[in-house]
Amino acid sequence: MGNKLITSSEANTNRLRFRSIDKWLHWQESLHFTAIELGLERCRRVANNMGLLNPSYKLLVLLEQTEKDLVLLC
């Protein structure tokens, strides 16, 4: 598979055509000739290497949903 540049209109089409994250990930992995590892295990390794898995602080996340809005407080 060769490299292919896509136009912004093609990118907009691609953004809307995937019905699941699995299909989108498969498409992402097919865009480059080298395999791309996008799974959760890879994210975990990157986060661990960056020291993000065991922060020295606590984070409290509050989420409230009203009829119109979704509010996230960190």
PDB file of N, CA and C in Angstrom:
ATOM      1  N   MET A   1       0.845  -1.175   0.000  1.00  0.00           N
ATOM      2  CA  MET A   1       0.000   0.000   0.000  1.00  0.00           C
ATOM      3  C   MET A   1       0.890   1.238   0.000  1.00  0.00           C
ATOM      4  N   GLY A   2       0.654   2.165  -0.907  1.00  0.00           N
ATOM      5  CA  GLY A   2       1.454   3.374  -0.994  1.00  0.00           C
ATOM      6  C   GLY A   2       0.877   4.501  -0.168  1.00  0.00           C
ATOM      7  N   ASN A   3       1.664   5.531  -0.007  1.00  0.00           N
ATOM      8  CA  ASN A   3       1.188   6.707   0.703  1.00  0.00           C
ATOM      9  C   ASN A   3       0.260   7.490  -0.203  1.00  0.00           C
ATOM     10  N   LYS A   4      -0.751   8.116   0.358  1.00  0.00           N
ATOM     11  CA  LYS A   4      -1.701   8.882  -0.419  1.00  0.00           C
ATOM     12  C   LYS A   4      -2.091  10.114   0.375  1.00  0.00           C
ATOM     13  N   LEU A   5      -1.980  11.261  -0.251  1.00  0.00           N
ATOM     14  CA  LEU A   5      -2.449  12.486   0.380  1.00  0.00           C
ATOM     15  C   LEU A   5      -3.939  12.606   0.121  1.00  0.00           C
ATOM     16  N   ILE A   6      -4.669  13.080   1.125  1.00  0.00           N
ATOM     17  CA  ILE A   6      -6.100  13.246   0.935  1.00  0.00           C
ATOM     18  C   ILE A   6      -6.458  14.721   1.060  1.00  0.00           C
ATOM     19  N   THR A   7      -7.497  15.118   0.373  1.00  0.00           N
ATOM     20  CA  THR A   7      -7.951  16.500   0.416  1.00  0.00           C
ATOM     21  C   THR A   7      -8.821  16.700   1.649  1.00  0.00           C
ATOM     22  N   SER A   8      -9.092  17.964   1.973  1.00  0.00           N
ATOM     23  CA  SER A   8      -9.928  18.241   3.142  1.00  0.00           C
ATOM     24  C   SER A   8     -11.339  17.712   2.944  1.00  0.00           C
ATOM     25  N   SER A   9     -11.852  17.725   1.700  1.00  0.00           N
ATOM     26  CA  SER A   9     -13.199  17.177   1.478  1.00  0.00           C
ATOM     27  C   SER A   9     -13.205  15.665   1.687  1.00  0.00           C
ATOM     28  N   GLU A  10     -12.132  14.979   1.295  1.00  0.00           N
ATOM     29  CA  GLU A  10     -12.023  13.545   1.553  1.00  0.00           C
ATOM     30  C   GLU A  10     -11.930  13.286   3.049  1.00  0.00           C
ATOM     31  N   ALA A  11     -11.186  14.124   3.758  1.00  0.00           N
ATOM     32  CA  ALA A  11     -11.054  13.966   5.205  1.00  0.00           C
ATOM     33  C   ALA A  11     -12.410  14.126   5.880  1.00  0.00           C
ATOM     34  N   ASN A  12     -13.208  15.110   5.428  1.00  0.00           N
ATOM     35  CA  ASN A  12     -14.538  15.295   6.006  1.00  0.00           C
ATOM     36  C   ASN A  12     -15.419  14.089   5.750  1.00  0.00           C
ATOM     37  N   THR A  13     -15.315  13.496   4.580  1.00  0.00           N
ATOM     38  CA  THR A  13     -16.084  12.294   4.262  1.00  0.00           C
ATOM     39  C   THR A  13     -15.652  11.144   5.156  1.00  0.00           C
ATOM     40  N   ASN A  14     -14.340  10.965   5.320  1.00  0.00           N
ATOM     41  CA  ASN A  14     -13.826   9.879   6.149  1.00  0.00           C
ATOM     42  C   ASN A  14     -14.278  10.021   7.596  1.00  0.00           C
ATOM     43  N   ARG A  15     -14.385  11.224   8.077  1.00  0.00           N
ATOM     44  CA  ARG A  15     -14.756  11.452   9.462  1.00  0.00           C
ATOM     45  C   ARG A  15     -16.169  10.931   9.746  1.00  0.00           C
ATOM     46  N   LEU A  16     -17.019  10.932   8.753  1.00  0.00           N
ATOM     47  CA  LEU A  16     -18.417  10.588   8.972  1.00  0.00           C
ATOM     48  C   LEU A  16     -18.762   9.145   8.617  1.00  0.00           C
ATOM     49  N   ARG A  17     -17.865   8.401   8.012  1.00  0.00           N
ATOM     50  CA  ARG A  17     -18.256   7.111   7.467  1.00  0.00           C
ATOM     51  C   ARG A  17     -18.057   5.927   8.400  1.00  0.00           C
ATOM     52  N   PHE A  18     -17.523   6.112   9.580  1.00  0.00           N
ATOM     53  CA  PHE A  18     -17.228   4.993  10.462  1.00  0.00           C
ATOM     54  C   PHE A  18     -18.307   4.862  11.525  1.00  0.00           C
ATOM     55  N   ARG A  19     -18.830   3.662  11.624  1.00  0.00           N
ATOM     56  CA  ARG A  19     -19.905   3.401  12.579  1.00  0.00           C
ATOM     57  C   ARG A  19     -19.397   2.844  13.904  1.00  0.00           C
ATOM     58  N   SER A  20     -18.112   2.498  13.976  1.00  0.00           N
ATOM     59  CA  SER A  20     -17.564   1.980  15.228  1.00  0.00           C
ATOM     60  C   SER A  20     -16.099   2.388  15.346  1.00  0.00           C
ATOM     61  N   ILE A  21     -15.593   2.378  16.560  1.00  0.00           N
ATOM     62  CA  ILE A  21     -14.186   2.717  16.790  1.00  0.00           C
ATOM     63  C   ILE A  21     -13.274   1.678  16.151  1.00  0.00           C
ATOM     64  N   ASP A  22     -13.704   0.418  16.109  1.00  0.00           N
ATOM     65  CA  ASP A  22     -12.895  -0.625  15.472  1.00  0.00           C
ATOM     66  C   ASP A  22     -12.688  -0.352  13.989  1.00  0.00           C
ATOM     67  N   LYS A  23     -13.749   0.077  13.309  1.00  0.00           N
ATOM     68  CA  LYS A  23     -13.631   0.382  11.881  1.00  0.00           C
ATOM     69  C   LYS A  23     -12.730   1.597  11.661  1.00  0.00           C
ATOM     70  N   TRP A  24     -12.857   2.606  12.532  1.00  0.00           N
ATOM     71  CA  TRP A  24     -12.013   3.792  12.410  1.00  0.00           C
ATOM     72  C   TRP A  24     -10.546   3.442  12.658  1.00  0.00           C
ATOM     73  N   LEU A  25     -10.266   2.619  13.692  1.00  0.00           N
ATOM     74  CA  LEU A  25      -8.890   2.214  13.980  1.00  0.00           C
ATOM     75  C   LEU A  25      -8.305   1.409  12.822  1.00  0.00           C
ATOM     76  N   HIS A  26      -9.096   0.515  12.246  1.00  0.00           N
ATOM     77  CA  HIS A  26      -8.613  -0.264  11.105  1.00  0.00           C
ATOM     78  C   HIS A  26      -8.253   0.674   9.944  1.00  0.00           C
ATOM     79  N   TRP A  27      -9.092   1.664   9.697  1.00  0.00           N
ATOM     80  CA  TRP A  27      -8.808   2.641   8.644  1.00  0.00           C
ATOM     81  C   TRP A  27      -7.530   3.419   8.956  1.00  0.00           C
ATOM     82  N   GLN A  28      -7.368   3.869  10.198  1.00  0.00           N
ATOM     83  CA  GLN A  28      -6.159   4.603  10.592  1.00  0.00           C
ATOM     84  C   GLN A  28      -4.918   3.757  10.369  1.00  0.00           C
ATOM     85  N   GLU A  29      -4.993   2.496  10.763  1.00  0.00           N
ATOM     86  CA  GLU A  29      -3.843   1.610  10.620  1.00  0.00           C
ATOM     87  C   GLU A  29      -3.497   1.344   9.156  1.00  0.00           C
ATOM     88  N   SER A  30      -4.478   1.466   8.269  1.00  0.00           N
ATOM     89  CA  SER A  30      -4.227   1.195   6.849  1.00  0.00           C
ATOM     90  C   SER A  30      -3.648   2.396   6.111  1.00  0.00           C
ATOM     91  N   LEU A  31      -3.570   3.551   6.741  1.00  0.00           N
ATOM     92  CA  LEU A  31      -3.116   4.764   6.058  1.00  0.00           C
ATOM     93  C   LEU A  31      -1.611   4.828   5.855  1.00  0.00           C
ATOM     94  N   HIS A  32      -0.850   4.090   6.600  1.00  0.00           N
ATOM     95  CA  HIS A  32       0.604   4.182   6.534  1.00  0.00           C
ATOM     96  C   HIS A  32       1.197   2.810   6.275  1.00  0.00           C
ATOM     97  N   PHE A  33       2.293   2.770   5.564  1.00  0.00           N
ATOM     98  CA  PHE A  33       2.900   1.486   5.205  1.00  0.00           C
ATOM     99  C   PHE A  33       3.517   0.767   6.397  1.00  0.00           C
ATOM    100  N   THR A  34       3.788   1.475   7.484  1.00  0.00           N
ATOM    101  CA  THR A  34       4.292   0.866   8.711  1.00  0.00           C
ATOM    102  C   THR A  34       3.111   0.660   9.661  1.00  0.00           C
ATOM    103  N   ALA A  35       3.057  -0.478  10.311  1.00  0.00           N
ATOM    104  CA  ALA A  35       1.946  -0.753  11.231  1.00  0.00           C
ATOM    105  C   ALA A  35       1.907   0.286  12.342  1.00  0.00           C
ATOM    106  N   ILE A  36       0.714   0.724  12.683  1.00  0.00           N
ATOM    107  CA  ILE A  36       0.513   1.707  13.745  1.00  0.00           C
ATOM    108  C   ILE A  36      -0.201   1.004  14.891  1.00  0.00           C
ATOM    109  N   GLU A  37       0.359   1.094  16.070  1.00  0.00           N
ATOM    110  CA  GLU A  37      -0.247   0.461  17.237  1.00  0.00           C
ATOM    111  C   GLU A  37      -1.061   1.508  17.985  1.00  0.00           C
ATOM    112  N   LEU A  38      -2.389   1.384  17.940  1.00  0.00           N
ATOM    113  CA  LEU A  38      -3.264   2.380  18.550  1.00  0.00           C
ATOM    114  C   LEU A  38      -4.091   1.825  19.702  1.00  0.00           C
ATOM    115  N   GLY A  39      -3.790   0.621  20.154  1.00  0.00           N
ATOM    116  CA  GLY A  39      -4.593  -0.014  21.195  1.00  0.00           C
ATOM    117  C   GLY A  39      -4.369   0.573  22.580  1.00  0.00           C
ATOM    118  N   LEU A  40      -5.188   0.135  23.507  1.00  0.00           N
ATOM    119  CA  LEU A  40      -5.103   0.633  24.888  1.00  0.00           C
ATOM    120  C   LEU A  40      -3.794   0.244  25.556  1.00  0.00           C
ATOM    121  N   GLU A  41      -3.256  -0.925  25.223  1.00  0.00           N
ATOM    122  CA  GLU A  41      -1.982  -1.337  25.822  1.00  0.00           C
ATOM    123  C   GLU A  41      -0.875  -0.355  25.443  1.00  0.00           C
ATOM    124  N   ARG A  42      -0.860   0.089  24.202  1.00  0.00           N
ATOM    125  CA  ARG A  42       0.133   1.082  23.750  1.00  0.00           C
ATOM    126  C   ARG A  42      -0.059   2.392  24.514  1.00  0.00           C
ATOM    127  N   CYS A  43      -1.300   2.813  24.681  1.00  0.00           N
ATOM    128  CA  CYS A  43      -1.574   4.036  25.449  1.00  0.00           C
ATOM    129  C   CYS A  43      -1.082   3.901  26.881  1.00  0.00           C
ATOM    130  N   ARG A  44      -1.288   2.714  27.458  1.00  0.00           N
ATOM    131  CA  ARG A  44      -0.834   2.467  28.833  1.00  0.00           C
ATOM    132  C   ARG A  44       0.687   2.559  28.929  1.00  0.00           C
ATOM    133  N   ARG A  45       1.395   1.972  27.952  1.00  0.00           N
ATOM    134  CA  ARG A  45       2.865   2.030  27.963  1.00  0.00           C
ATOM    135  C   ARG A  45       3.360   3.467  27.824  1.00  0.00           C
ATOM    136  N   VAL A  46       2.730   4.222  26.925  1.00  0.00           N
ATOM    137  CA  VAL A  46       3.133   5.628  26.741  1.00  0.00           C
ATOM    138  C   VAL A  46       2.871   6.419  28.015  1.00  0.00           C
ATOM    139  N   ALA A  47       1.696   6.243  28.600  1.00  0.00           N
ATOM    140  CA  ALA A  47       1.375   6.955  29.844  1.00  0.00           C
ATOM    141  C   ALA A  47       2.336   6.579  30.958  1.00  0.00           C
ATOM    142  N   ASN A  48       2.690   5.316  31.044  1.00  0.00           N
ATOM    143  CA  ASN A  48       3.640   4.870  32.063  1.00  0.00           C
ATOM    144  C   ASN A  48       5.008   5.503  31.835  1.00  0.00           C
ATOM    145  N   ASN A  49       5.461   5.520  30.574  1.00  0.00           N
ATOM    146  CA  ASN A  49       6.761   6.135  30.251  1.00  0.00           C
ATOM    147  C   ASN A  49       6.779   7.627  30.554  1.00  0.00           C
ATOM    148  N   MET A  50       5.622   8.265  30.480  1.00  0.00           N
ATOM    149  CA  MET A  50       5.535   9.701  30.763  1.00  0.00           C
ATOM    150  C   MET A  50       5.282   9.981  32.247  1.00  0.00           C
ATOM    151  N   GLY A  51       5.131   8.919  33.046  1.00  0.00           N
ATOM    152  CA  GLY A  51       4.889   9.099  34.474  1.00  0.00           C
ATOM    153  C   GLY A  51       3.484   9.565  34.796  1.00  0.00           C
ATOM    154  N   LEU A  52       2.520   9.235  33.948  1.00  0.00           N
ATOM    155  CA  LEU A  52       1.152   9.716  34.136  1.00  0.00           C
ATOM    156  C   LEU A  52       0.250   8.744  34.887  1.00  0.00           C
ATOM    157  N   LEU A  53       0.685   7.507  35.079  1.00  0.00           N
ATOM    158  CA  LEU A  53      -0.199   6.517  35.698  1.00  0.00           C
ATOM    159  C   LEU A  53      -0.285   6.649  37.209  1.00  0.00           C
ATOM    160  N   ASN A  54       0.730   7.161  37.842  1.00  0.00           N
ATOM    161  CA  ASN A  54       0.739   7.321  39.295  1.00  0.00           C
ATOM    162  C   ASN A  54       1.093   8.763  39.650  1.00  0.00           C
ATOM    163  N   PRO A  55       0.175   9.688  39.390  1.00  0.00           N
ATOM    164  CA  PRO A  55       0.482  11.099  39.671  1.00  0.00           C
ATOM    165  C   PRO A  55       0.601  11.347  41.173  1.00  0.00           C
ATOM    166  N   SER A  56       1.300  12.388  41.523  1.00  0.00           N
ATOM    167  CA  SER A  56       1.480  12.736  42.930  1.00  0.00           C
ATOM    168  C   SER A  56       0.306  13.556  43.467  1.00  0.00           C
ATOM    169  N   TYR A  57      -0.709  13.752  42.676  1.00  0.00           N
ATOM    170  CA  TYR A  57      -1.869  14.545  43.072  1.00  0.00           C
ATOM    171  C   TYR A  57      -3.136  13.726  42.855  1.00  0.00           C
ATOM    172  N   LYS A  58      -4.207  14.174  43.472  1.00  0.00           N
ATOM    173  CA  LYS A  58      -5.517  13.545  43.305  1.00  0.00           C
ATOM    174  C   LYS A  58      -6.358  14.442  42.394  1.00  0.00           C
ATOM    175  N   LEU A  59      -7.161  13.819  41.577  1.00  0.00           N
ATOM    176  CA  LEU A  59      -8.030  14.553  40.675  1.00  0.00           C
ATOM    177  C   LEU A  59      -9.459  14.113  40.920  1.00  0.00           C
ATOM    178  N   LEU A  60     -10.322  15.058  41.178  1.00  0.00           N
ATOM    179  CA  LEU A  60     -11.736  14.787  41.381  1.00  0.00           C
ATOM    180  C   LEU A  60     -12.484  15.337  40.173  1.00  0.00           C
ATOM    181  N   VAL A  61     -13.242  14.509  39.533  1.00  0.00           N
ATOM    182  CA  VAL A  61     -13.998  14.914  38.350  1.00  0.00           C
ATOM    183  C   VAL A  61     -15.478  14.837  38.682  1.00  0.00           C
ATOM    184  N   LEU A  62     -16.176  15.933  38.467  1.00  0.00           N
ATOM    185  CA  LEU A  62     -17.617  15.993  38.685  1.00  0.00           C
ATOM    186  C   LEU A  62     -18.288  16.216  37.342  1.00  0.00           C
ATOM    187  N   LEU A  63     -19.314  15.457  37.086  1.00  0.00           N
ATOM    188  CA  LEU A  63     -20.020  15.547  35.820  1.00  0.00           C
ATOM    189  C   LEU A  63     -21.489  15.737  36.110  1.00  0.00           C
ATOM    190  N   GLU A  64     -22.087  16.743  35.465  1.00  0.00           N
ATOM    191  CA  GLU A  64     -23.513  16.995  35.642  1.00  0.00           C
ATOM    192  C   GLU A  64     -24.131  17.174  34.267  1.00  0.00           C
ATOM    193  N   GLN A  65     -25.252  16.522  34.064  1.00  0.00           N
ATOM    194  CA  GLN A  65     -25.948  16.665  32.794  1.00  0.00           C
ATOM    195  C   GLN A  65     -27.327  17.241  33.059  1.00  0.00           C
ATOM    196  N   THR A  66     -27.624  18.343  32.384  1.00  0.00           N
ATOM    197  CA  THR A  66     -28.950  18.939  32.457  1.00  0.00           C
ATOM    198  C   THR A  66     -29.676  18.603  31.159  1.00  0.00           C
ATOM    199  N   GLU A  67     -30.830  19.183  30.968  1.00  0.00           N
ATOM    200  CA  GLU A  67     -31.583  18.916  29.746  1.00  0.00           C
ATOM    201  C   GLU A  67     -30.829  19.381  28.507  1.00  0.00           C
ATOM    202  N   LYS A  68     -30.053  20.466  28.641  1.00  0.00           N
ATOM    203  CA  LYS A  68     -29.377  21.035  27.488  1.00  0.00           C
ATOM    204  C   LYS A  68     -27.863  20.846  27.509  1.00  0.00           C
ATOM    205  N   ASP A  69     -27.268  20.839  28.663  1.00  0.00           N
ATOM    206  CA  ASP A  69     -25.813  20.918  28.753  1.00  0.00           C
ATOM    207  C   ASP A  69     -25.216  19.741  29.504  1.00  0.00           C
ATOM    208  N   LEU A  70     -23.941  19.550  29.237  1.00  0.00           N
ATOM    209  CA  LEU A  70     -23.137  18.595  29.980  1.00  0.00           C
ATOM    210  C   LEU A  70     -21.980  19.393  30.587  1.00  0.00           C
ATOM    211  N   VAL A  71     -21.843  19.387  31.911  1.00  0.00           N
ATOM    212  CA  VAL A  71     -20.854  20.198  32.608  1.00  0.00           C
ATOM    213  C   VAL A  71     -19.826  19.277  33.249  1.00  0.00           C
ATOM    214  N   LEU A  72     -18.569  19.548  32.981  1.00  0.00           N
ATOM    215  CA  LEU A  72     -17.473  18.761  33.538  1.00  0.00           C
ATOM    216  C   LEU A  72     -16.604  19.684  34.378  1.00  0.00           C
ATOM    217  N   LEU A  73     -16.428  19.375  35.647  1.00  0.00           N
ATOM    218  CA  LEU A  73     -15.585  20.149  36.540  1.00  0.00           C
ATOM    219  C   LEU A  73     -14.433  19.289  37.007  1.00  0.00           C
ATOM    220  N   CYS A  74     -13.228  19.780  36.865  1.00  0.00           N
ATOM    221  CA  CYS A  74     -12.050  19.054  37.325  1.00  0.00           C
ATOM    222  C   CYS A  74     -11.390  19.810  38.447  1.00  0.00           C
TER     223      CYS A  74
END
